[in-house]
Structures are given as C-alpha cells and as structure tokens.
Amino acid sequence: MSYLNQITGCVVDSLLRPFDSPWAALATAALATSVLVLLIVRWTSSPATIARARGRLIARVLELVLFRHDAMVSVGAAGRILSANVLYLATLLVPLTVSLVPVALILAQLSCWFDARPLQVGEAAVLEVKLRDGVSVTDQSLTVMGAEAVRVETEGVRIPRLTEIDWRVRGAHPGVDWIEIRCGDESPVRKHVAVGDDFQKVSRQRSRTGLWEQFANPAESPIEAGASVERVEVRYPARQFYLQNTEIDWILAFFVLTIVFGLILKRPLKVEI
C-alpha cells in the first residue's frame, strides 16, 4: 500500500502543486480523473455491446411513450425497460469496477489537498497523540517539540479514558515543518505540519501500520509497529469551498465536475457510455 500511495501521491502532487487557487486545482483533478476513467472504459469494454444495450434501452423507453394509453402494454414495457436497464448497466460493470481502485487512491490523495488547509501564522490548533492499548497515559513520559514553523504552547493534557494526550500548538512561520514526539526512550515519532496562506498539501494524521490507516492517511509513512504512539493528529481548520454564497463539499463538486468533463470528452476520446 505504501508504494501505491507514493506513486499516486507523486502524480497528484505534481498535478496540483503549480496552482494557487483551490477551485482551479479541483477542476484540473476532476478533468484528469475523467480522462483516466474514460480511457479505462475504452480499454476494458466493447463499444458495440454498449451501443446495442443502450439502443435496446432507448427502444423500450420509446415503446412506453408510444403506447402510454394502453395500460397492459405500458405495464409490459415498464418491465422490459427495467430488464434493458439492468443489461445496459451490466455492460459497464467491468470498466467501473476496474476504475474504482485508481479513483479511490486519487480521492485519498485529494483529501490531503482539499479536506483541510494549513495553519495560518498565529493560528492555534490541537495536537492529539493517541497511545496504543496497554500503555498508561498517566505514567508514560511524553515530550513534544515543535520546529521553526510551529511552537508548542501548553503542557500535555492527559485523557486516560481515550489513552490520549493533547497539546496546543500555534503557527509561527510559513513553511512545511515537523513536530517531534518522544515517548520514553523510544525513537521519536515525527509529524509533518504545514503553516502559511499558500495552497498546499496537508497531512492531518499519521498512524500505525494497517491497510485502512495507510489508505486513509496516504501523505506520511506509517508509524513503526512497535512504537507506543499509535496515532498523531493535528486538528487543522477545514478548507471551505463556496459557489456564490453557498458552501459546497469538495467531494460533491469534484464528482459533478468529473461527470461534466466525462460527458464533454467521451466523443473526442471515442468512448461509448
């Protein structure tokens, strides 16, 4: 999983890093994803089979429209529409299944760019350090040190019920830096932190090895399995997207743009859908 994250991250980062505007970056990511999915559909499907299935579905719909005043024919036509629709969707099952994996990996990488924004200089956030089960929060010696971009402002607040210790950190200088967590005599655990007004990638969480954890948090390598620290998270502010005065979720905007680009590009790319 780490290799897949590194490859996907390199591609997505190279694509989005030149942009200053989140909307322009999101539209570019949607365009690239549309092209990728259309090419997968083209390579893994039979255009003739899809065209026949789509034509059959359209014919059943026209049958229902033409004989809408005949109740018996309409009922039969409705059943045939359902059957034709199932057959049409079946022709797209393989392409959509194949495209699901790269799209999921892309979405995980995009979340690092669009889910949250960096801390601004002077802005505070909570640093959460979760210890693994069996490690005592009250007895364990933990120290946190910030680099130049952030400074640690408080002593750790220990929460035994959650096996967690929290600190308040504050952005000090623009840049991408790290926070170092030392647990007893173990090797330190580092967590990337981003500060500044620029549009840049943000890693909210770094956690221990695990397939889901690596998929959900692809920006940083997993914490070593033997460490007492299980998870380190910086509570960054959410990145907000507005259309006029309405806030929209970036995932919704991404999928709408992907569909629009797909409909526009399917003919130039000679893809049957």
C-alpha atoms as a PDB file:
ATOM      1  CA  MET A   1       0.000   0.000   0.000  1.00  0.00           C
ATOM      2  CA  SER A   2       2.863   2.381   0.772  1.00  0.00           C
ATOM      3  CA  TYR A   3       4.222   2.017  -2.771  1.00  0.00           C
ATOM      4  CA  LEU A   4       0.803   2.740  -4.281  1.00  0.00           C
ATOM      5  CA  ASN A   5       0.462   5.815  -2.063  1.00  0.00           C
ATOM      6  CA  GLN A   6       3.919   7.042  -3.089  1.00  0.00           C
ATOM      7  CA  ILE A   7       3.203   6.634  -6.808  1.00  0.00           C
ATOM      8  CA  THR A   8      -0.288   8.158  -6.639  1.00  0.00           C
ATOM      9  CA  GLY A   9       0.926  10.937  -4.360  1.00  0.00           C
ATOM     10  CA  CYS A  10       3.765  11.838  -6.714  1.00  0.00           C
ATOM     11  CA  VAL A  11       1.369  12.088  -9.673  1.00  0.00           C
ATOM     12  CA  VAL A  12      -1.323  14.069  -7.808  1.00  0.00           C
ATOM     13  CA  ASP A  13       1.195  16.396  -6.141  1.00  0.00           C
ATOM     14  CA  SER A  14       2.881  17.150  -9.478  1.00  0.00           C
ATOM     15  CA  LEU A  15      -0.509  17.959 -10.963  1.00  0.00           C
ATOM     16  CA  LEU A  16      -1.766  20.242  -8.180  1.00  0.00           C
ATOM     17  CA  ARG A  17       1.377  21.916  -6.842  1.00  0.00           C
ATOM     18  CA  PRO A  18       1.545  24.633  -9.571  1.00  0.00           C
ATOM     19  CA  PHE A  19      -1.907  26.004  -8.620  1.00  0.00           C
ATOM     20  CA  ASP A  20      -2.640  28.844  -6.208  1.00  0.00           C
ATOM     21  CA  SER A  21      -6.435  28.526  -6.446  1.00  0.00           C
ATOM     22  CA  PRO A  22      -8.161  25.514  -4.839  1.00  0.00           C
ATOM     23  CA  TRP A  23     -11.000  25.730  -7.388  1.00  0.00           C
ATOM     24  CA  ALA A  24      -8.606  25.610 -10.339  1.00  0.00           C
ATOM     25  CA  ALA A  25      -6.757  22.678  -8.755  1.00  0.00           C
ATOM     26  CA  LEU A  26     -10.026  20.835  -8.103  1.00  0.00           C
ATOM     27  CA  ALA A  27     -11.199  21.350 -11.695  1.00  0.00           C
ATOM     28  CA  THR A  28      -7.846  20.089 -13.009  1.00  0.00           C
ATOM     29  CA  ALA A  29      -8.019  16.995 -10.797  1.00  0.00           C
ATOM     30  CA  ALA A  30     -11.584  16.324 -11.991  1.00  0.00           C
ATOM     31  CA  LEU A  31     -10.518  16.719 -15.626  1.00  0.00           C
ATOM     32  CA  ALA A  32      -7.596  14.310 -15.208  1.00  0.00           C
ATOM     33  CA  THR A  33      -9.805  11.781 -13.411  1.00  0.00           C
ATOM     34  CA  SER A  34     -12.437  11.999 -16.173  1.00  0.00           C
ATOM     35  CA  VAL A  35      -9.832  11.272 -18.828  1.00  0.00           C
ATOM     36  CA  LEU A  36      -8.464   8.334 -16.809  1.00  0.00           C
ATOM     37  CA  VAL A  37     -11.906   6.777 -16.263  1.00  0.00           C
ATOM     38  CA  LEU A  38     -12.893   7.254 -19.911  1.00  0.00           C
ATOM     39  CA  LEU A  39      -9.688   5.569 -21.073  1.00  0.00           C
ATOM     40  CA  ILE A  40     -10.299   2.665 -18.691  1.00  0.00           C
ATOM     41  CA  VAL A  41     -13.845   2.304 -20.063  1.00  0.00           C
ATOM     42  CA  ARG A  42     -12.473   2.390 -23.591  1.00  0.00           C
ATOM     43  CA  TRP A  43      -9.818  -0.262 -22.905  1.00  0.00           C
ATOM     44  CA  THR A  44     -11.993  -2.656 -20.857  1.00  0.00           C
ATOM     45  CA  SER A  45     -15.356  -2.580 -22.654  1.00  0.00           C
ATOM     46  CA  SER A  46     -16.892  -3.426 -26.003  1.00  0.00           C
ATOM     47  CA  PRO A  47     -18.295  -0.290 -27.687  1.00  0.00           C
ATOM     48  CA  ALA A  48     -20.574  -2.398 -29.902  1.00  0.00           C
ATOM     49  CA  THR A  49     -22.047  -4.238 -26.911  1.00  0.00           C
ATOM     50  CA  ILE A  50     -22.632  -0.996 -25.021  1.00  0.00           C
ATOM     51  CA  ALA A  51     -24.237   0.620 -28.096  1.00  0.00           C
ATOM     52  CA  ARG A  52     -26.603  -2.337 -28.550  1.00  0.00           C
ATOM     53  CA  ALA A  53     -27.585  -2.343 -24.882  1.00  0.00           C
ATOM     54  CA  ARG A  54     -28.158   1.420 -24.895  1.00  0.00           C
ATOM     55  CA  GLY A  55     -30.195   1.205 -28.121  1.00  0.00           C
ATOM     56  CA  ARG A  56     -32.326  -1.554 -26.621  1.00  0.00           C
ATOM     57  CA  LEU A  57     -32.989   0.583 -23.547  1.00  0.00           C
ATOM     58  CA  ILE A  58     -33.956   3.605 -25.662  1.00  0.00           C
ATOM     59  CA  ALA A  59     -36.294   1.429 -27.741  1.00  0.00           C
ATOM     60  CA  ARG A  60     -38.079   0.187 -24.596  1.00  0.00           C
ATOM     61  CA  VAL A  61     -38.495   3.765 -23.357  1.00  0.00           C
ATOM     62  CA  LEU A  62     -39.953   4.817 -26.723  1.00  0.00           C
ATOM     63  CA  GLU A  63     -42.316   1.830 -26.580  1.00  0.00           C
ATOM     64  CA  LEU A  64     -43.643   3.059 -23.256  1.00  0.00           C
ATOM     65  CA  VAL A  65     -44.091   6.600 -24.615  1.00  0.00           C
ATOM     66  CA  LEU A  66     -45.863   5.476 -27.807  1.00  0.00           C
ATOM     67  CA  PHE A  67     -48.272   3.100 -26.060  1.00  0.00           C
ATOM     68  CA  ARG A  68     -48.749   5.061 -22.844  1.00  0.00           C
ATOM     69  CA  HIS A  69     -52.567   4.991 -23.253  1.00  0.00           C
ATOM     70  CA  ASP A  70     -52.656   1.180 -23.281  1.00  0.00           C
ATOM     71  CA  ALA A  71     -52.371   0.031 -19.663  1.00  0.00           C
ATOM     72  CA  MET A  72     -51.416  -3.585 -20.437  1.00  0.00           C
ATOM     73  CA  VAL A  73     -48.725  -2.617 -22.942  1.00  0.00           C
ATOM     74  CA  SER A  74     -47.394   0.071 -20.578  1.00  0.00           C
ATOM     75  CA  VAL A  75     -47.006  -2.421 -17.730  1.00  0.00           C
ATOM     76  CA  GLY A  76     -45.151  -4.832 -20.007  1.00  0.00           C
ATOM     77  CA  ALA A  77     -42.987  -2.029 -21.391  1.00  0.00           C
ATOM     78  CA  ALA A  78     -42.049  -0.923 -17.871  1.00  0.00           C
ATOM     79  CA  GLY A  79     -40.822  -4.428 -17.111  1.00  0.00           C
ATOM     80  CA  ARG A  80     -38.844  -4.539 -20.349  1.00  0.00           C
ATOM     81  CA  ILE A  81     -37.294  -1.118 -19.522  1.00  0.00           C
ATOM     82  CA  LEU A  82     -36.123  -2.478 -16.173  1.00  0.00           C
ATOM     83  CA  SER A  83     -34.625  -5.554 -17.844  1.00  0.00           C
ATOM     84  CA  ALA A  84     -32.936  -3.483 -20.561  1.00  0.00           C
ATOM     85  CA  ASN A  85     -31.548  -1.106 -17.950  1.00  0.00           C
ATOM     86  CA  VAL A  86     -30.035  -3.989 -15.972  1.00  0.00           C
ATOM     87  CA  LEU A  87     -28.415  -5.364 -19.140  1.00  0.00           C
ATOM     88  CA  TYR A  88     -27.076  -1.906 -20.029  1.00  0.00           C
ATOM     89  CA  LEU A  89     -25.542  -1.422 -16.574  1.00  0.00           C
ATOM     90  CA  ALA A  90     -24.036  -4.919 -16.777  1.00  0.00           C
ATOM     91  CA  THR A  91     -22.022  -3.878 -19.845  1.00  0.00           C
ATOM     92  CA  LEU A  92     -20.409  -1.132 -17.727  1.00  0.00           C
ATOM     93  CA  LEU A  93     -19.789  -3.298 -14.662  1.00  0.00           C
ATOM     94  CA  VAL A  94     -16.240  -4.372 -15.571  1.00  0.00           C
ATOM     95  CA  PRO A  95     -14.994  -0.875 -16.583  1.00  0.00           C
ATOM     96  CA  LEU A  96     -16.490   0.736 -13.480  1.00  0.00           C
ATOM     97  CA  THR A  97     -15.044  -1.963 -11.218  1.00  0.00           C
ATOM     98  CA  VAL A  98     -11.580  -1.580 -12.749  1.00  0.00           C
ATOM     99  CA  SER A  99     -11.716   2.221 -12.430  1.00  0.00           C
ATOM    100  CA  LEU A 100     -12.823   2.022  -8.789  1.00  0.00           C
ATOM    101  CA  VAL A 101      -9.297   1.287  -7.471  1.00  0.00           C
ATOM    102  CA  PRO A 102      -7.420   4.203  -9.107  1.00  0.00           C
ATOM    103  CA  VAL A 103     -10.283   6.607  -8.358  1.00  0.00           C
ATOM    104  CA  ALA A 104     -10.271   5.591  -4.669  1.00  0.00           C
ATOM    105  CA  LEU A 105      -6.482   6.124  -4.479  1.00  0.00           C
ATOM    106  CA  ILE A 106      -6.846   9.513  -6.179  1.00  0.00           C
ATOM    107  CA  LEU A 107      -9.613  10.581  -3.761  1.00  0.00           C
ATOM    108  CA  ALA A 108      -7.430   9.650  -0.780  1.00  0.00           C
ATOM    109  CA  GLN A 109      -4.629  11.855  -2.146  1.00  0.00           C
ATOM    110  CA  LEU A 110      -7.011  14.708  -2.999  1.00  0.00           C
ATOM    111  CA  SER A 111      -8.306  14.706   0.575  1.00  0.00           C
ATOM    112  CA  CYS A 112      -4.815  15.822   1.661  1.00  0.00           C
ATOM    113  CA  TRP A 113      -5.230  18.914  -0.523  1.00  0.00           C
ATOM    114  CA  PHE A 114      -8.915  19.756  -0.092  1.00  0.00           C
ATOM    115  CA  ASP A 115     -10.109  18.406   3.281  1.00  0.00           C
ATOM    116  CA  ALA A 116      -8.138  20.904   5.354  1.00  0.00           C
ATOM    117  CA  ARG A 117      -5.981  23.989   4.945  1.00  0.00           C
ATOM    118  CA  PRO A 118      -2.639  24.824   6.600  1.00  0.00           C
ATOM    119  CA  LEU A 119      -2.472  26.778   9.817  1.00  0.00           C
ATOM    120  CA  GLN A 120      -2.012  30.481   9.346  1.00  0.00           C
ATOM    121  CA  VAL A 121       0.747  32.291  11.202  1.00  0.00           C
ATOM    122  CA  GLY A 122      -0.587  32.975  14.704  1.00  0.00           C
ATOM    123  CA  GLU A 123      -3.407  30.435  14.386  1.00  0.00           C
ATOM    124  CA  ALA A 124      -3.723  27.712  17.041  1.00  0.00           C
ATOM    125  CA  ALA A 125      -4.640  24.033  16.678  1.00  0.00           C
ATOM    126  CA  VAL A 126      -4.798  20.939  18.862  1.00  0.00           C
ATOM    127  CA  LEU A 127      -2.154  18.226  18.563  1.00  0.00           C
ATOM    128  CA  GLU A 128      -3.539  14.829  19.581  1.00  0.00           C
ATOM    129  CA  VAL A 129      -1.260  11.911  20.457  1.00  0.00           C
ATOM    130  CA  LYS A 130      -3.024   8.571  20.905  1.00  0.00           C
ATOM    131  CA  LEU A 131      -1.125   5.766  22.656  1.00  0.00           C
ATOM    132  CA  ARG A 132      -1.672   2.092  21.932  1.00  0.00           C
ATOM    133  CA  ASP A 133      -3.750  -0.060  24.258  1.00  0.00           C
ATOM    134  CA  GLY A 134      -1.895  -1.172  27.365  1.00  0.00           C
ATOM    135  CA  VAL A 135       0.278   1.937  27.611  1.00  0.00           C
ATOM    136  CA  SER A 136      -0.513   4.107  30.630  1.00  0.00           C
ATOM    137  CA  VAL A 137      -1.197   7.737  29.759  1.00  0.00           C
ATOM    138  CA  THR A 138      -0.612   8.940  33.307  1.00  0.00           C
ATOM    139  CA  ASP A 139       2.710   7.158  33.802  1.00  0.00           C
ATOM    140  CA  GLN A 140       4.235   7.463  30.350  1.00  0.00           C
ATOM    141  CA  SER A 141       6.811  10.196  29.791  1.00  0.00           C
ATOM    142  CA  LEU A 142       5.995  12.144  26.613  1.00  0.00           C
ATOM    143  CA  THR A 143       7.613  15.303  25.301  1.00  0.00           C
ATOM    144  CA  VAL A 144       6.670  17.305  22.210  1.00  0.00           C
ATOM    145  CA  MET A 145       8.993  19.664  20.369  1.00  0.00           C
ATOM    146  CA  GLY A 146       7.998  21.946  17.522  1.00  0.00           C
ATOM    147  CA  ALA A 147      10.354  23.012  14.760  1.00  0.00           C
ATOM    148  CA  GLU A 148      10.549  26.529  13.295  1.00  0.00           C
ATOM    149  CA  ALA A 149       7.090  26.559  11.678  1.00  0.00           C
ATOM    150  CA  VAL A 150       5.157  25.838  14.893  1.00  0.00           C
ATOM    151  CA  ARG A 151       5.593  26.276  18.603  1.00  0.00           C
ATOM    152  CA  VAL A 152       4.094  24.196  21.399  1.00  0.00           C
ATOM    153  CA  GLU A 153       2.235  26.461  23.829  1.00  0.00           C
ATOM    154  CA  THR A 154       0.888  24.185  26.568  1.00  0.00           C
ATOM    155  CA  GLU A 155       1.731  21.197  28.690  1.00  0.00           C
ATOM    156  CA  GLY A 156       0.130  17.943  27.607  1.00  0.00           C
ATOM    157  CA  VAL A 157      -3.451  17.369  28.787  1.00  0.00           C
ATOM    158  CA  ARG A 158      -3.749  13.651  29.607  1.00  0.00           C
ATOM    159  CA  ILE A 159      -7.063  11.915  28.893  1.00  0.00           C
ATOM    160  CA  PRO A 160      -6.878   8.364  30.333  1.00  0.00           C
ATOM    161  CA  ARG A 161     -10.314   7.380  29.015  1.00  0.00           C
ATOM    162  CA  LEU A 162      -9.134   7.962  25.422  1.00  0.00           C
ATOM    163  CA  THR A 163      -5.493   6.935  26.026  1.00  0.00           C
ATOM    164  CA  GLU A 164      -4.650  10.345  24.592  1.00  0.00           C
ATOM    165  CA  ILE A 165      -2.528  13.395  25.364  1.00  0.00           C
ATOM    166  CA  ASP A 166      -3.296  16.779  23.773  1.00  0.00           C
ATOM    167  CA  TRP A 167      -1.213  19.915  23.281  1.00  0.00           C
ATOM    168  CA  ARG A 168      -1.988  23.313  21.811  1.00  0.00           C
ATOM    169  CA  VAL A 169       0.327  24.351  19.001  1.00  0.00           C
ATOM    170  CA  ARG A 170       0.441  27.622  17.079  1.00  0.00           C
ATOM    171  CA  GLY A 171       1.729  28.550  13.636  1.00  0.00           C
ATOM    172  CA  ALA A 172       4.928  30.579  13.957  1.00  0.00           C
ATOM    173  CA  HIS A 173       6.477  30.816  10.473  1.00  0.00           C
ATOM    174  CA  PRO A 174       5.247  29.877   6.974  1.00  0.00           C
ATOM    175  CA  GLY A 175       6.512  26.573   5.673  1.00  0.00           C
ATOM    176  CA  VAL A 176       6.265  22.805   5.891  1.00  0.00           C
ATOM    177  CA  ASP A 177       7.958  21.502   9.000  1.00  0.00           C
ATOM    178  CA  TRP A 178       7.564  18.778  11.606  1.00  0.00           C
ATOM    179  CA  ILE A 179       6.661  18.125  15.216  1.00  0.00           C
ATOM    180  CA  GLU A 180       8.665  15.533  17.145  1.00  0.00           C
ATOM    181  CA  ILE A 181       7.062  13.335  19.813  1.00  0.00           C
ATOM    182  CA  ARG A 182       9.340  11.453  22.202  1.00  0.00           C
ATOM    183  CA  CYS A 183       7.891   8.623  24.280  1.00  0.00           C
ATOM    184  CA  GLY A 184      10.311   7.456  26.960  1.00  0.00           C
ATOM    185  CA  ASP A 185      13.487   6.001  25.459  1.00  0.00           C
ATOM    186  CA  GLU A 186      11.826   5.057  22.148  1.00  0.00           C
ATOM    187  CA  SER A 187      12.794   6.546  18.801  1.00  0.00           C
ATOM    188  CA  PRO A 188      10.987   9.865  18.213  1.00  0.00           C
ATOM    189  CA  VAL A 189       7.873   9.977  16.063  1.00  0.00           C
ATOM    190  CA  ARG A 190       7.713  12.887  13.642  1.00  0.00           C
ATOM    191  CA  LYS A 191       4.565  14.503  12.267  1.00  0.00           C
ATOM    192  CA  HIS A 192       4.553  16.902   9.324  1.00  0.00           C
ATOM    193  CA  VAL A 193       2.887  20.261   9.866  1.00  0.00           C
ATOM    194  CA  ALA A 194       2.044  22.967   7.310  1.00  0.00           C
ATOM    195  CA  VAL A 195       1.812  26.702   8.040  1.00  0.00           C
ATOM    196  CA  GLY A 196       1.031  29.544   5.649  1.00  0.00           C
ATOM    197  CA  ASP A 197      -1.563  31.094   3.344  1.00  0.00           C
ATOM    198  CA  ASP A 198      -0.457  29.206   0.233  1.00  0.00           C
ATOM    199  CA  PHE A 199      -2.471  26.408  -1.317  1.00  0.00           C
ATOM    200  CA  GLN A 200      -0.559  23.334  -0.197  1.00  0.00           C
ATOM    201  CA  LYS A 201      -0.913  19.742   0.873  1.00  0.00           C
ATOM    202  CA  VAL A 202      -1.870  18.976   4.472  1.00  0.00           C
ATOM    203  CA  SER A 203      -1.390  15.730   6.374  1.00  0.00           C
ATOM    204  CA  ARG A 204      -3.884  15.625   9.197  1.00  0.00           C
ATOM    205  CA  GLN A 205      -2.918  12.296  10.680  1.00  0.00           C
ATOM    206  CA  ARG A 206      -0.077   9.820  10.903  1.00  0.00           C
ATOM    207  CA  SER A 207      -0.944   6.401  12.336  1.00  0.00           C
ATOM    208  CA  ARG A 208       0.409   2.891  12.777  1.00  0.00           C
ATOM    209  CA  THR A 209       0.697   0.273  10.045  1.00  0.00           C
ATOM    210  CA  GLY A 210      -2.585  -1.044   8.686  1.00  0.00           C
ATOM    211  CA  LEU A 211      -4.225  -1.257   5.275  1.00  0.00           C
ATOM    212  CA  TRP A 212      -7.089   1.103   6.056  1.00  0.00           C
ATOM    213  CA  GLU A 213      -4.869   3.507   8.002  1.00  0.00           C
ATOM    214  CA  GLN A 214      -2.429   3.736   5.091  1.00  0.00           C
ATOM    215  CA  PHE A 215      -5.271   4.268   2.624  1.00  0.00           C
ATOM    216  CA  ALA A 216      -6.971   6.950   4.715  1.00  0.00           C
ATOM    217  CA  ASN A 217      -3.713   8.757   5.574  1.00  0.00           C
ATOM    218  CA  PRO A 218      -1.502   8.465   2.495  1.00  0.00           C
ATOM    219  CA  ALA A 219       0.646  11.573   2.932  1.00  0.00           C
ATOM    220  CA  GLU A 220       3.061  10.149   5.519  1.00  0.00           C
ATOM    221  CA  SER A 221       4.647   6.779   6.128  1.00  0.00           C
ATOM    222  CA  PRO A 222       3.045   4.718   8.911  1.00  0.00           C
ATOM    223  CA  ILE A 223       4.362   4.741  12.470  1.00  0.00           C
ATOM    224  CA  GLU A 224       6.531   1.726  13.315  1.00  0.00           C
ATOM    225  CA  ALA A 225       4.542  -1.211  14.689  1.00  0.00           C
ATOM    226  CA  GLY A 226       6.459  -1.421  17.991  1.00  0.00           C
ATOM    227  CA  ALA A 227       6.012   2.236  18.985  1.00  0.00           C
ATOM    228  CA  SER A 228       3.900   3.240  21.982  1.00  0.00           C
ATOM    229  CA  VAL A 229       2.400   6.065  19.900  1.00  0.00           C
ATOM    230  CA  GLU A 230      -0.486   4.762  17.807  1.00  0.00           C
ATOM    231  CA  ARG A 231      -1.689   7.958  16.149  1.00  0.00           C
ATOM    232  CA  VAL A 232      -0.633  11.605  15.867  1.00  0.00           C
ATOM    233  CA  GLU A 233      -3.150  14.130  14.541  1.00  0.00           C
ATOM    234  CA  VAL A 234      -3.131  17.884  14.008  1.00  0.00           C
ATOM    235  CA  ARG A 235      -6.616  19.415  14.048  1.00  0.00           C
ATOM    236  CA  TYR A 236      -6.281  21.669  11.014  1.00  0.00           C
ATOM    237  CA  PRO A 237      -9.122  24.011  10.028  1.00  0.00           C
ATOM    238  CA  ALA A 238     -11.373  22.656   7.276  1.00  0.00           C
ATOM    239  CA  ARG A 239     -10.860  24.032   3.777  1.00  0.00           C
ATOM    240  CA  GLN A 240     -14.067  25.692   2.592  1.00  0.00           C
ATOM    241  CA  PHE A 241     -15.385  25.889  -0.970  1.00  0.00           C
ATOM    242  CA  TYR A 242     -18.005  28.467  -1.921  1.00  0.00           C
ATOM    243  CA  LEU A 243     -20.154  28.843  -5.018  1.00  0.00           C
ATOM    244  CA  GLN A 244     -21.540  32.360  -4.817  1.00  0.00           C
ATOM    245  CA  ASN A 245     -22.504  32.470  -1.111  1.00  0.00           C
ATOM    246  CA  THR A 246     -23.200  28.756  -0.767  1.00  0.00           C
ATOM    247  CA  GLU A 247     -20.651  26.440   0.792  1.00  0.00           C
ATOM    248  CA  ILE A 248     -20.259  23.137  -1.022  1.00  0.00           C
ATOM    249  CA  ASP A 249     -18.471  19.939  -0.150  1.00  0.00           C
ATOM    250  CA  TRP A 250     -15.376  19.463  -2.278  1.00  0.00           C
ATOM    251  CA  ILE A 251     -16.198  15.797  -2.948  1.00  0.00           C
ATOM    252  CA  LEU A 252     -19.606  16.752  -4.374  1.00  0.00           C
ATOM    253  CA  ALA A 253     -18.016  19.463  -6.524  1.00  0.00           C
ATOM    254  CA  PHE A 254     -15.328  17.011  -7.673  1.00  0.00           C
ATOM    255  CA  PHE A 255     -17.828  14.359  -8.785  1.00  0.00           C
ATOM    256  CA  VAL A 256     -20.063  16.884 -10.549  1.00  0.00           C
ATOM    257  CA  LEU A 257     -17.076  18.297 -12.444  1.00  0.00           C
ATOM    258  CA  THR A 258     -15.860  14.765 -13.266  1.00  0.00           C
ATOM    259  CA  ILE A 259     -19.255  13.838 -14.743  1.00  0.00           C
ATOM    260  CA  VAL A 260     -19.452  17.065 -16.747  1.00  0.00           C
ATOM    261  CA  PHE A 261     -15.955  16.615 -18.157  1.00  0.00           C
ATOM    262  CA  GLY A 262     -16.746  12.971 -18.893  1.00  0.00           C
ATOM    263  CA  LEU A 263     -19.827  13.888 -20.925  1.00  0.00           C
ATOM    264  CA  ILE A 264     -17.856  16.526 -22.837  1.00  0.00           C
ATOM    265  CA  LEU A 265     -14.845  14.310 -23.572  1.00  0.00           C
ATOM    266  CA  LYS A 266     -16.477  10.978 -24.328  1.00  0.00           C
ATOM    267  CA  ARG A 267     -16.969  11.797 -28.010  1.00  0.00           C
ATOM    268  CA  PRO A 268     -13.434  13.173 -28.660  1.00  0.00           C
ATOM    269  CA  LEU A 269     -11.981  10.141 -26.869  1.00  0.00           C
ATOM    270  CA  LYS A 270     -14.317   7.807 -28.793  1.00  0.00           C
ATOM    271  CA  VAL A 271     -15.803   6.205 -25.697  1.00  0.00           C
ATOM    272  CA  GLU A 272     -19.227   4.553 -25.667  1.00  0.00           C
ATOM    273  CA  ILE A 273     -21.178   5.014 -22.448  1.00  0.00           C
END
